[in-house]
Amino acid sequence: MANIPVHLAIILDGNGRWAKKKGLPRNAGHAAGARVLEDMCEVVWNKGIRFFTVYAFSTENWNRPAGEVEALMKLLRDYMKNSVKRAMKNNMRVRVIGDKSGLDADLQESIASLEEATAGNTGLTFQIALNYGGRDEIVRAVRKLASENDPDFMKTLTEKDLSGALDTADIPDPDLLIRTCGEERISNFLLWQLAYSEFYFTDLAWPDFNEAELDKALENYSSRTRRFGGLVKGEE
């Protein structure tokens, strides 16, 4: 394939609906989705993608039933504790974006340990958006800049300044966003970073997402012409 995105982002949608169709509890769908995600990290790296960001838990997801939230947090705890060995084996750098201060202390510690252990790895950079909201990220970035600089700096604030204060400061913006399970919205995900990303929507629920569907998305992406608001050669 001629044109592979450097950075792929995915909104992992449909775990609960997948489980319901199979007569299973919603938590079973989340567990199935987690297994698919582990495999997909290796798949995307083998395709030549260097950065992979997934929407795992939003700032709005706290409004879900307490039992479901508790099950999701357990999945995340298990992942953080068990993924160091796998990440090191695959030379994968793992980062968590979002407001980590809103998570339980033990989960914050596990995240810090995982990020520290994999910081020097040079393979896939895998970003997990956890307690993340695009609007919240921008607000946190502005507050950070305001607290670290004098008022005159804020009067001349540039896009570069704000980008540098975001959770994704040293990561290129996504080239391609995929959303599963038939929804066609971004749901407060990477609002700043998706400004010129290409979008691909699939009806498959996340637990059914596979390499073949990823190939369809990549082929579709490869056929597009990215203009970034301008013209490409030959369109003048």
Protein backbone atom coordinates (compact mmCIF):
# COMPACT_ATOMS: atom_id res chain seq x y z
CA MET A 1 0.00 0.00 0.00
CA ALA A 2 1.50 3.29 -1.11
CA ASN A 3 0.25 5.69 1.54
CA ILE A 4 0.19 4.52 5.16
CA PRO A 5 -0.84 6.90 7.96
CA VAL A 6 1.91 7.75 10.42
CA HIS A 7 -0.65 8.14 13.22
CA LEU A 8 -3.86 6.14 13.49
CA ALA A 9 -6.57 6.94 16.04
CA ILE A 10 -9.56 4.71 16.78
CA ILE A 11 -12.76 5.28 18.76
CA LEU A 12 -13.42 1.81 20.15
CA ASP A 13 -17.21 1.72 19.93
CA GLY A 14 -19.77 -1.06 20.24
CA ASN A 15 -18.48 -3.37 22.98
CA GLY A 16 -21.75 -3.27 24.90
CA ARG A 17 -23.95 -3.62 21.83
CA TRP A 18 -21.82 -6.54 20.62
CA ALA A 19 -22.35 -8.30 23.93
CA LYS A 20 -26.09 -7.60 23.99
CA LYS A 21 -26.56 -9.15 20.55
CA LYS A 22 -24.88 -12.30 21.85
CA GLY A 23 -26.97 -12.37 25.03
CA LEU A 24 -23.94 -11.54 27.17
CA PRO A 25 -23.45 -8.87 29.84
CA ARG A 26 -21.92 -5.59 28.64
CA ASN A 27 -18.76 -6.33 30.63
CA ALA A 28 -18.13 -9.37 28.43
CA GLY A 29 -18.06 -7.04 25.45
CA HIS A 30 -15.47 -4.83 27.09
CA ALA A 31 -13.30 -7.87 27.86
CA ALA A 32 -13.56 -9.05 24.24
CA GLY A 33 -12.70 -5.57 23.01
CA ALA A 34 -9.60 -5.48 25.23
CA ARG A 35 -8.33 -8.71 23.68
CA VAL A 36 -8.82 -7.32 20.17
CA LEU A 37 -6.93 -4.17 21.15
CA GLU A 38 -3.92 -6.12 22.38
CA ASP A 39 -3.67 -7.95 19.05
CA MET A 40 -4.30 -4.79 17.02
CA CYS A 41 -1.21 -3.07 18.46
CA GLU A 42 0.99 -5.63 16.72
CA VAL A 43 -1.10 -5.49 13.52
CA VAL A 44 -0.88 -1.71 13.10
CA TRP A 45 2.88 -1.72 13.72
CA ASN A 46 3.36 -4.40 11.07
CA LYS A 47 1.44 -2.16 8.63
CA GLY A 48 4.02 0.60 9.11
CA ILE A 49 1.97 2.82 11.43
CA ARG A 50 4.14 4.44 14.09
CA PHE A 51 1.60 6.06 16.44
CA PHE A 52 -1.65 4.46 17.61
CA THR A 53 -4.14 6.26 19.86
CA VAL A 54 -7.35 4.75 21.20
CA TYR A 55 -10.31 6.22 23.08
CA ALA A 56 -10.65 3.87 26.05
CA PHE A 57 -12.59 5.88 28.66
CA SER A 58 -13.97 9.39 28.29
CA THR A 59 -14.69 12.04 30.89
CA GLU A 60 -18.37 11.38 30.17
CA ASN A 61 -18.11 7.61 30.72
CA TRP A 62 -18.28 8.13 34.48
CA ASN A 63 -22.03 8.59 33.93
CA ARG A 64 -22.44 4.92 32.99
CA PRO A 65 -23.82 2.41 35.53
CA ALA A 66 -21.49 1.95 38.51
CA GLY A 67 -21.02 -1.76 37.83
CA GLU A 68 -19.91 -1.12 34.25
CA VAL A 69 -17.49 1.62 35.31
CA GLU A 70 -16.04 -0.69 37.97
CA ALA A 71 -15.55 -3.47 35.40
CA LEU A 72 -13.85 -1.07 32.98
CA MET A 73 -11.50 0.13 35.71
CA LYS A 74 -10.64 -3.50 36.55
CA LEU A 75 -9.81 -4.15 32.89
CA LEU A 76 -7.59 -1.10 32.85
CA ARG A 77 -5.87 -2.15 36.07
CA ASP A 78 -5.21 -5.61 34.66
CA TYR A 79 -3.84 -4.13 31.44
CA MET A 80 -1.51 -1.72 33.22
CA LYS A 81 -0.14 -4.47 35.46
CA ASN A 82 0.27 -7.14 32.79
CA SER A 83 1.34 -5.17 29.73
CA VAL A 84 4.89 -4.21 30.69
CA LYS A 85 6.31 -7.59 29.63
CA ARG A 86 4.38 -7.53 26.34
CA ALA A 87 5.32 -3.93 25.62
CA MET A 88 9.00 -4.59 26.26
CA LYS A 89 8.92 -7.69 24.07
CA ASN A 90 7.42 -5.67 21.21
CA ASN A 91 9.59 -2.57 21.84
CA MET A 92 6.36 -0.58 22.33
CA ARG A 93 6.14 2.76 24.10
CA VAL A 94 2.91 3.16 26.08
CA ARG A 95 1.46 6.50 27.17
CA VAL A 96 -1.80 7.52 28.79
CA ILE A 97 -3.44 10.82 27.86
CA GLY A 98 -6.24 12.48 29.77
CA ASP A 99 -6.75 13.78 33.29
CA LYS A 100 -4.94 11.10 35.25
CA SER A 101 -5.52 13.00 38.50
CA GLY A 102 -9.15 11.89 38.34
CA LEU A 103 -8.19 8.21 38.61
CA ASP A 104 -7.64 6.16 41.75
CA ALA A 105 -4.14 6.39 43.23
CA ASP A 106 -3.22 2.77 42.50
CA LEU A 107 -4.16 3.17 38.85
CA GLN A 108 -2.13 6.37 38.62
CA GLU A 109 0.86 4.49 40.04
CA SER A 110 0.45 1.64 37.57
CA ILE A 111 0.25 4.10 34.68
CA ALA A 112 3.39 5.90 35.83
CA SER A 113 5.28 2.61 36.15
CA LEU A 114 4.21 1.46 32.68
CA GLU A 115 5.09 4.78 31.06
CA GLU A 116 8.47 4.89 32.78
CA ALA A 117 9.33 1.28 31.90
CA THR A 118 8.53 1.74 28.20
CA ALA A 119 9.71 5.34 27.71
CA GLY A 120 12.90 4.29 25.92
CA ASN A 121 11.25 1.87 23.49
CA THR A 122 11.49 2.82 19.84
CA GLY A 123 8.70 0.80 18.22
CA LEU A 124 5.02 1.65 18.18
CA THR A 125 3.93 4.55 20.38
CA PHE A 126 0.62 3.40 21.84
CA GLN A 127 -1.50 6.11 23.46
CA ILE A 128 -4.51 5.25 25.63
CA ALA A 129 -7.02 8.07 26.16
CA LEU A 130 -8.23 7.49 29.71
CA ASN A 131 -10.50 9.87 31.62
CA TYR A 132 -10.04 11.92 28.48
CA GLY A 133 -12.15 14.64 26.88
CA GLY A 134 -11.02 16.93 24.07
CA ARG A 135 -12.55 20.03 25.63
CA ASP A 136 -11.09 19.15 29.03
CA GLU A 137 -7.65 18.71 27.45
CA ILE A 138 -7.77 22.17 25.88
CA VAL A 139 -8.95 23.76 29.13
CA ARG A 140 -6.16 22.02 31.06
CA ALA A 141 -3.62 23.20 28.49
CA VAL A 142 -4.76 26.83 28.73
CA ARG A 143 -4.70 26.70 32.52
CA LYS A 144 -1.20 25.24 32.44
CA LEU A 145 0.07 27.99 30.14
CA ALA A 146 -1.62 30.68 32.23
CA SER A 147 -0.06 29.37 35.44
CA GLU A 148 3.44 29.13 33.94
CA ASN A 149 3.51 32.46 32.10
CA ASP A 150 2.73 36.12 32.65
CA PRO A 151 -0.39 37.82 31.20
CA ASP A 152 1.57 39.34 28.31
CA PHE A 153 2.44 35.84 27.06
CA MET A 154 -1.22 34.85 27.06
CA LYS A 155 -2.10 37.89 24.96
CA THR A 156 0.18 36.60 22.20
CA LEU A 157 -0.65 32.90 22.57
CA THR A 158 -0.12 30.96 19.34
CA GLU A 159 -1.38 27.63 18.02
CA LYS A 160 2.13 26.25 18.50
CA ASP A 161 2.11 27.30 22.15
CA LEU A 162 -1.22 25.60 22.79
CA SER A 163 -0.23 22.44 20.89
CA GLY A 164 2.86 22.23 23.07
CA ALA A 165 0.76 22.22 26.22
CA LEU A 166 -1.61 19.43 25.15
CA ASP A 167 -1.34 15.82 26.33
CA THR A 168 -0.07 14.90 22.85
CA ALA A 169 2.59 17.63 22.72
CA ASP A 170 5.36 15.60 21.06
CA ILE A 171 3.09 13.37 18.94
CA PRO A 172 2.05 14.19 15.33
CA ASP A 173 -1.66 14.75 14.75
CA PRO A 174 -3.62 11.68 13.58
CA ASP A 175 -3.67 11.14 9.83
CA LEU A 176 -6.65 8.79 10.05
CA LEU A 177 -9.48 8.35 12.55
CA ILE A 178 -11.52 5.15 12.55
CA ARG A 179 -14.77 4.78 14.47
CA THR A 180 -16.50 1.43 14.79
CA CYS A 181 -20.13 0.33 15.21
CA GLY A 182 -21.79 2.70 12.75
CA GLU A 183 -21.53 5.95 14.70
CA GLU A 184 -20.28 8.97 12.73
CA ARG A 185 -19.18 11.55 15.27
CA ILE A 186 -15.96 12.22 17.19
CA SER A 187 -17.54 12.41 20.67
CA ASN A 188 -15.12 14.89 22.24
CA PHE A 189 -12.03 12.95 21.10
CA LEU A 190 -8.84 14.80 20.09
CA LEU A 191 -10.78 17.92 19.10
CA TRP A 192 -7.65 19.98 18.43
CA GLN A 193 -5.61 17.21 16.83
CA LEU A 194 -8.27 15.98 14.37
CA ALA A 195 -8.52 19.31 12.55
CA TYR A 196 -7.28 17.84 9.23
CA SER A 197 -7.51 14.11 9.85
CA GLU A 198 -9.27 11.77 7.44
CA PHE A 199 -12.26 9.86 8.87
CA TYR A 200 -13.35 6.27 8.23
CA PHE A 201 -16.51 4.74 9.71
CA THR A 202 -17.36 1.04 9.84
CA ASP A 203 -20.50 -0.76 10.99
CA LEU A 204 -18.44 -3.46 12.71
CA ALA A 205 -18.50 -3.36 16.50
CA TRP A 206 -15.02 -3.11 18.00
CA PRO A 207 -14.84 -6.76 19.18
CA ASP A 208 -15.40 -7.80 15.54
CA PHE A 209 -12.79 -5.41 14.15
CA ASN A 210 -9.92 -7.25 12.49
CA GLU A 211 -6.98 -6.91 10.14
CA ALA A 212 -9.19 -7.23 7.04
CA GLU A 213 -11.32 -4.26 8.14
CA LEU A 214 -8.20 -2.28 8.97
CA ASP A 215 -6.91 -2.98 5.46
CA LYS A 216 -10.17 -1.59 4.03
CA ALA A 217 -9.71 1.58 6.05
CA LEU A 218 -6.08 1.93 4.98
CA GLU A 219 -6.95 1.36 1.32
CA ASN A 220 -9.66 4.01 1.56
CA TYR A 221 -7.21 6.40 3.21
CA SER A 222 -4.57 5.71 0.58
CA SER A 223 -6.96 6.76 -2.19
CA ARG A 224 -7.61 10.20 -0.72
CA THR A 225 -5.86 13.46 -1.51
CA ARG A 226 -5.03 15.50 1.57
CA ARG A 227 -5.09 19.24 0.90
CA PHE A 228 -4.93 20.74 4.39
CA GLY A 229 -7.01 23.68 3.19
CA GLY A 230 -4.88 24.34 0.11
CA LEU A 231 -4.52 22.88 -3.38
CA VAL A 232 -2.34 20.06 -4.62
CA LYS A 233 -0.18 20.27 -7.70
CA GLY A 234 -2.30 20.25 -10.86
CA GLU A 235 -5.39 21.79 -9.26
CA GLU A 236 -4.35 25.41 -9.78
